[in-house]
Protein backbone atom coordinates (compact mmCIF):
# COMPACT_ATOMS: atom_id res chain seq x y z
CA UNK A 1 -26.41 -8.04 17.81
CA UNK A 2 -22.79 -8.25 16.66
CA UNK A 3 -20.05 -6.28 18.41
CA UNK A 4 -17.04 -5.24 16.34
CA UNK A 5 -13.49 -4.69 17.54
CA UNK A 6 -10.73 -2.68 15.92
CA UNK A 7 -8.41 -5.58 15.20
CA UNK A 8 -10.20 -6.01 11.88
CA UNK A 9 -9.48 -2.42 10.89
CA UNK A 10 -6.77 -1.64 8.35
CA UNK A 11 -5.35 1.21 6.26
CA UNK A 12 -4.23 0.98 2.65
CA UNK A 13 -2.62 3.81 0.72
CA UNK A 14 -1.75 4.39 -2.92
CA UNK A 15 0.94 6.80 -4.00
CA UNK A 16 -0.10 9.80 -6.06
CA UNK A 17 0.76 9.88 -9.74
CA UNK A 18 2.60 12.96 -11.01
CA UNK A 19 0.04 15.33 -12.53
CA UNK A 20 2.49 16.05 -15.33
CA UNK A 21 5.62 14.25 -16.45
CA UNK A 22 8.95 15.52 -15.17
CA UNK A 23 10.92 16.82 -18.16
CA UNK A 24 14.70 16.80 -17.83
CA UNK A 25 17.92 15.81 -19.61
CA UNK A 26 19.96 12.65 -19.21
CA UNK A 27 23.66 13.34 -19.89
CA UNK A 28 26.32 10.64 -20.29
CA UNK A 29 28.25 11.97 -17.27
CA UNK A 30 25.08 11.63 -15.15
CA UNK A 31 25.33 7.83 -15.31
CA UNK A 32 27.72 5.88 -13.08
CA UNK A 33 27.66 2.33 -14.39
CA UNK A 34 29.96 1.03 -11.64
CA UNK A 35 27.63 2.23 -8.88
CA UNK A 36 24.49 1.42 -10.95
CA UNK A 37 23.35 4.97 -10.27
CA UNK A 38 22.30 8.03 -12.27
CA UNK A 39 21.02 11.51 -11.55
CA UNK A 40 18.92 14.10 -13.39
CA UNK A 41 17.94 17.69 -12.70
CA UNK A 42 14.61 18.44 -10.96
CA UNK A 43 14.19 14.95 -9.50
CA UNK A 44 14.64 16.20 -5.93
CA UNK A 45 11.27 16.99 -4.38
CA UNK A 46 9.35 15.04 -7.01
CA UNK A 47 10.47 11.42 -6.85
CA UNK A 48 10.55 9.20 -3.75
CA UNK A 49 11.96 5.77 -3.02
CA UNK A 50 9.46 3.09 -4.01
CA UNK A 51 7.85 5.09 -6.82
CA UNK A 52 7.22 3.22 -10.03
CA UNK A 53 8.18 5.40 -12.96
CA UNK A 54 8.14 5.35 -16.72
CA UNK A 55 11.24 6.91 -18.27
CA UNK A 56 10.94 7.82 -21.95
CA UNK A 57 12.89 9.78 -24.55
CA UNK A 58 11.14 12.82 -25.98
CA UNK A 59 12.25 12.12 -29.57
CA UNK A 60 11.33 8.39 -29.35
CA UNK A 61 14.96 7.31 -29.80
CA UNK A 62 16.39 4.37 -27.82
CA UNK A 63 16.58 5.24 -24.12
CA UNK A 64 20.12 3.90 -23.57
CA UNK A 65 20.02 3.58 -19.80
CA UNK A 66 19.36 -0.02 -18.70
CA UNK A 67 21.60 -2.77 -20.04
CA UNK A 68 19.77 -4.96 -22.56
CA UNK A 69 16.78 -2.61 -22.79
CA UNK A 70 16.54 -1.36 -26.39
CA UNK A 71 13.32 0.63 -26.39
CA UNK A 72 12.40 4.30 -26.24
CA UNK A 73 10.84 3.90 -22.78
CA UNK A 74 10.77 1.59 -19.79
CA UNK A 75 9.07 1.16 -16.41
CA UNK A 76 10.95 0.44 -13.16
CA UNK A 77 10.85 1.02 -9.39
CA UNK A 78 13.32 3.56 -8.04
CA UNK A 79 15.44 4.13 -4.94
CA UNK A 80 16.53 7.72 -4.32
CA UNK A 81 19.56 8.21 -2.08
CA UNK A 82 20.41 11.20 0.12
CA UNK A 83 22.34 12.88 -2.71
CA UNK A 84 19.45 12.56 -5.14
CA UNK A 85 21.01 9.66 -7.03
CA UNK A 86 18.61 7.13 -8.53
CA UNK A 87 18.90 3.35 -8.82
CA UNK A 88 16.42 1.23 -10.77
CA UNK A 89 14.89 -2.04 -9.52
CA UNK A 90 12.55 -4.68 -10.81
CA UNK A 91 10.27 -4.72 -7.74
CA UNK A 92 8.93 -2.47 -4.99
CA UNK A 93 10.54 -4.59 -2.25
CA UNK A 94 14.01 -4.34 -3.79
CA UNK A 95 13.60 -0.59 -4.33
CA UNK A 96 12.77 -0.03 -0.65
CA UNK A 97 15.95 -1.88 0.40
CA UNK A 98 18.02 -0.07 -2.23
CA UNK A 99 20.97 -2.49 -2.25
CA UNK A 100 23.42 -1.77 -5.04
CA UNK A 101 23.78 -5.48 -5.78
CA UNK A 102 20.05 -5.75 -6.56
CA UNK A 103 19.93 -2.67 -8.82
CA UNK A 104 19.63 -3.02 -12.58
CA UNK A 105 22.85 -2.70 -14.56
CA UNK A 106 23.12 0.61 -16.40
CA UNK A 107 24.84 1.68 -19.60
CA UNK A 108 26.27 5.09 -20.50
CA UNK A 109 24.18 6.95 -23.11
CA UNK A 110 26.02 7.72 -26.33
CA UNK A 111 24.64 11.29 -26.37
CA UNK A 112 22.60 13.59 -24.14
CA UNK A 113 18.89 12.82 -24.32
CA UNK A 114 15.81 14.81 -23.35
CA UNK A 115 13.63 12.51 -21.28
CA UNK A 116 10.39 12.49 -19.33
CA UNK A 117 9.84 10.72 -16.01
CA UNK A 118 6.26 9.90 -15.03
CA UNK A 119 5.15 8.11 -11.85
CA UNK A 120 2.54 5.41 -12.50
CA UNK A 121 1.57 4.24 -9.01
CA UNK A 122 -1.55 2.12 -9.44
CA UNK A 123 -1.55 -0.28 -6.47
CA UNK A 124 -2.92 0.14 -2.95
CA UNK A 125 -0.57 -1.22 -0.29
CA UNK A 126 -1.11 -2.07 3.34
CA UNK A 127 0.19 0.67 5.68
CA UNK A 128 2.35 -1.08 8.27
CA UNK A 129 2.50 -0.44 12.02
CA UNK A 130 -0.85 1.36 12.39
CA UNK A 131 -2.01 1.32 16.02
CA UNK A 132 -5.23 3.23 15.45
CA UNK A 133 -6.82 5.69 13.07
CA UNK A 134 -9.66 8.17 13.18
CA UNK A 135 -11.58 9.71 10.29
CA UNK A 136 -14.22 12.42 10.54
CA UNK A 137 -16.58 13.51 7.76
CA UNK A 138 -18.74 16.61 7.62
CA UNK A 139 -20.87 18.45 5.10
CA UNK A 140 -19.73 21.99 4.29
CA UNK A 141 -22.33 24.55 3.23
CA UNK A 142 -21.34 26.70 0.25
CA UNK A 143 -22.55 29.99 -1.20
CA UNK A 144 -24.73 29.12 -4.21
CA UNK A 145 -25.48 32.71 -5.25
CA UNK A 146 -23.01 32.86 -8.17
CA UNK A 147 -24.06 29.44 -9.55
CA UNK A 148 -26.61 28.77 -12.23
CA UNK A 149 -29.82 26.88 -11.48
CA UNK A 150 -28.43 23.60 -12.78
CA UNK A 151 -25.43 23.70 -10.45
CA UNK A 152 -27.48 24.92 -7.49
CA UNK A 153 -29.40 21.66 -7.54
CA UNK A 154 -26.15 19.73 -7.61
CA UNK A 155 -24.53 21.50 -4.65
CA UNK A 156 -27.50 22.66 -2.56
CA UNK A 157 -26.84 19.93 0.03
CA UNK A 158 -23.23 21.09 0.45
CA UNK A 159 -19.92 19.33 -0.06
CA UNK A 160 -18.61 16.37 1.91
CA UNK A 161 -15.18 16.90 3.44
CA UNK A 162 -13.20 15.00 5.99
CA UNK A 163 -10.10 14.82 8.13
CA UNK A 164 -8.37 12.22 10.20
CA UNK A 165 -5.34 11.01 12.11
CA UNK A 166 -3.12 7.94 12.00
CA UNK A 167 -1.23 6.75 15.07
CA UNK A 168 1.61 4.44 14.07
CA UNK A 169 4.71 2.79 15.41
CA UNK A 170 7.61 4.38 13.52
CA UNK A 171 8.98 2.26 10.70
CA UNK A 172 11.08 3.06 7.65
CA UNK A 173 12.30 -0.31 6.39
CA UNK A 174 10.74 -3.65 5.57
CA UNK A 175 12.89 -5.65 8.00
CA UNK A 176 10.19 -5.56 10.68
CA UNK A 177 7.21 -5.09 8.38
CA UNK A 178 3.89 -6.63 9.27
CA UNK A 179 1.92 -8.51 6.65
CA UNK A 180 -1.75 -9.38 6.83
CA UNK A 181 -3.22 -12.62 5.45
CA UNK A 182 -5.51 -10.57 3.20
CA UNK A 183 -2.69 -8.33 1.98
CA UNK A 184 0.42 -10.47 1.39
CA UNK A 185 2.24 -7.71 -0.49
CA UNK A 186 5.08 -5.44 0.48
CA UNK A 187 3.66 -2.69 2.69
CA UNK A 188 4.15 1.05 2.85
CA UNK A 189 5.54 2.62 6.04
CA UNK A 190 4.76 5.75 8.11
CA UNK A 191 8.10 7.14 6.92
CA UNK A 192 6.63 7.59 3.44
CA UNK A 193 3.83 9.83 4.73
CA UNK A 194 6.41 11.91 6.59
CA UNK A 195 8.31 12.27 3.31
CA UNK A 196 5.16 13.50 1.59
CA UNK A 197 4.84 16.44 3.96
CA UNK A 198 8.23 17.87 2.95
CA UNK A 199 7.96 17.10 -0.78
CA UNK A 200 7.99 20.44 -2.58
CA UNK A 201 6.96 19.89 -6.18
CA UNK A 202 4.39 17.12 -6.23
CA UNK A 203 2.72 17.84 -2.91
CA UNK A 204 1.63 15.68 -0.02
CA UNK A 205 -1.26 13.77 -1.56
CA UNK A 206 -2.13 10.08 -1.40
CA UNK A 207 -5.17 7.88 -1.94
CA UNK A 208 -6.43 6.18 1.20
CA UNK A 209 -8.71 3.30 2.09
CA UNK A 210 -9.63 3.24 5.77
CA UNK A 211 -11.18 -0.08 6.69
CA UNK A 212 -13.55 0.03 9.64
CA UNK A 213 -14.05 -3.71 9.31
CA UNK A 214 -12.21 -5.99 6.89
CA UNK A 215 -13.58 -9.51 7.01
CA UNK A 216 -10.80 -11.95 6.01
CA UNK A 217 -13.30 -14.77 5.40
CA UNK A 218 -16.13 -12.91 3.65
CA UNK A 219 -15.16 -9.81 1.67
CA UNK A 220 -18.82 -8.84 1.18
CA UNK A 221 -18.89 -7.81 4.88
CA UNK A 222 -16.06 -5.28 4.45
CA UNK A 223 -16.75 -1.60 5.25
CA UNK A 224 -14.37 1.23 4.38
CA UNK A 225 -13.96 4.93 3.66
CA UNK A 226 -12.08 5.93 0.52
CA UNK A 227 -10.77 9.31 -0.58
CA UNK A 228 -7.81 11.24 -1.88
CA UNK A 229 -6.01 12.78 1.11
CA UNK A 230 -3.35 15.39 1.84
CA UNK A 231 -0.92 15.09 4.77
CA UNK A 232 -1.06 18.27 6.89
CA UNK A 233 1.00 17.43 9.98
CA UNK A 234 3.43 14.76 11.16
CA UNK A 235 4.59 14.47 14.77
CA UNK A 236 7.21 11.94 15.87
CA UNK A 237 7.53 11.08 19.56
CA UNK A 238 10.93 9.76 20.71
CA UNK A 239 11.39 8.53 24.28
CA UNK A 240 14.39 6.62 25.63
CA UNK A 241 12.19 4.05 27.37
CA UNK A 242 9.30 3.81 24.89
CA UNK A 243 8.74 2.79 21.29
CA UNK A 244 9.06 5.57 18.72
CA UNK A 245 5.59 6.58 17.56
CA UNK A 246 4.25 8.99 14.99
CA UNK A 247 0.96 10.82 14.62
CA UNK A 248 -0.04 11.77 11.09
CA UNK A 249 -2.85 14.23 10.41
CA UNK A 250 -4.54 14.56 7.02
CA UNK A 251 -7.51 16.14 5.28
CA UNK A 252 -9.51 14.70 2.42
CA UNK A 253 -9.19 16.26 -1.01
CA UNK A 254 -12.19 15.43 -3.19
CA UNK A 255 -14.98 12.89 -2.95
CA UNK A 256 -15.31 10.89 0.28
CA UNK A 257 -17.13 7.58 -0.15
CA UNK A 258 -18.33 5.06 2.43
CA UNK A 259 -18.37 1.61 0.85
CA UNK A 260 -19.46 -1.90 1.73
CA UNK A 261 -18.92 -5.25 0.05
CA UNK A 262 -16.13 -6.33 -2.24
CA UNK A 263 -13.66 -3.86 -3.73
CA UNK A 264 -14.16 -3.44 -7.47
CA UNK A 265 -11.49 -5.03 -9.63
CA UNK A 266 -10.28 -3.67 -12.96
CA UNK A 267 -8.64 -5.13 -16.02
CA UNK A 268 -4.95 -4.23 -15.92
CA UNK A 269 -2.10 -4.32 -18.37
CA UNK A 270 1.21 -5.93 -17.43
CA UNK A 271 2.39 -2.46 -16.39
CA UNK A 272 -0.52 -2.34 -13.87
CA UNK A 273 -2.13 0.52 -15.82
CA UNK A 274 -5.90 0.20 -16.12
CA UNK A 275 -7.43 -0.68 -19.49
CA UNK A 276 -9.80 2.18 -20.31
CA UNK A 277 -13.03 2.37 -22.26
CA UNK A 278 -13.62 5.00 -24.96
CA UNK A 279 -14.98 7.40 -22.31
CA UNK A 280 -11.70 6.95 -20.33
CA UNK A 281 -13.40 5.05 -17.49
CA UNK A 282 -11.74 1.81 -16.32
CA UNK A 283 -13.25 -1.56 -17.28
CA UNK A 284 -14.60 -3.46 -14.29
CA UNK A 285 -13.89 -7.18 -14.15
CA UNK A 286 -17.59 -8.07 -14.05
CA UNK A 287 -18.37 -6.06 -17.19
CA UNK A 288 -18.88 -7.98 -20.46
């Protein structure tokens, strides 16, 4: 009988997409071309560093924001500074660093433009510095009295809910990031989950994959929980003689699934958006 150890466990998270696009106005004086930085109203509390966003004009006119970009919309990664200023970058890694020299060159709009900003986060990323995690699932009983007969059959067994904790070494930059052989992409950090807790407009949600066992040599042996989650508590422990650690508590929000085997792949556009069928479901790679 095989015995499993936790070194093959892993956590991946995917940033939530804004439920509705942020509608605001881009004024010429909001753009500082020298600093490669711009600002808009209502961005504070909605947008976070590392988000991938689509910025589009409401009237479909040319966006007039990024040098050489002559379309009504565009998709970039953002870095948000302490004053709420935004810089645009071509990759997630550059956006996390936020260096002015790496930011895209901006142009000053000729006139004020009404724009929408929509986050389009579609990729799961490895959560760095996780020491251990715990996830608990339970079935909640619900009152079926007000429901019709059809729905009673659907919910008579109750609803699955869950909660969990993440214990991590504190990290907020990619300088000391850990990469796994199976996930050679730029990781997320515990700092992002702490940011979620204090985000006012969009909330503290994220999608999580919690791998009990992730086999690097045979993906069909992989076992993981997957659910949408909401951060409920973040505690940071700072000691002069110890490493800074953080404990993040969360609850699940929606369906909790326990999966085995390979993770389903989907056909994606260049923007990383899924290609949908007529019924709005994504097309799996193994479908004809």
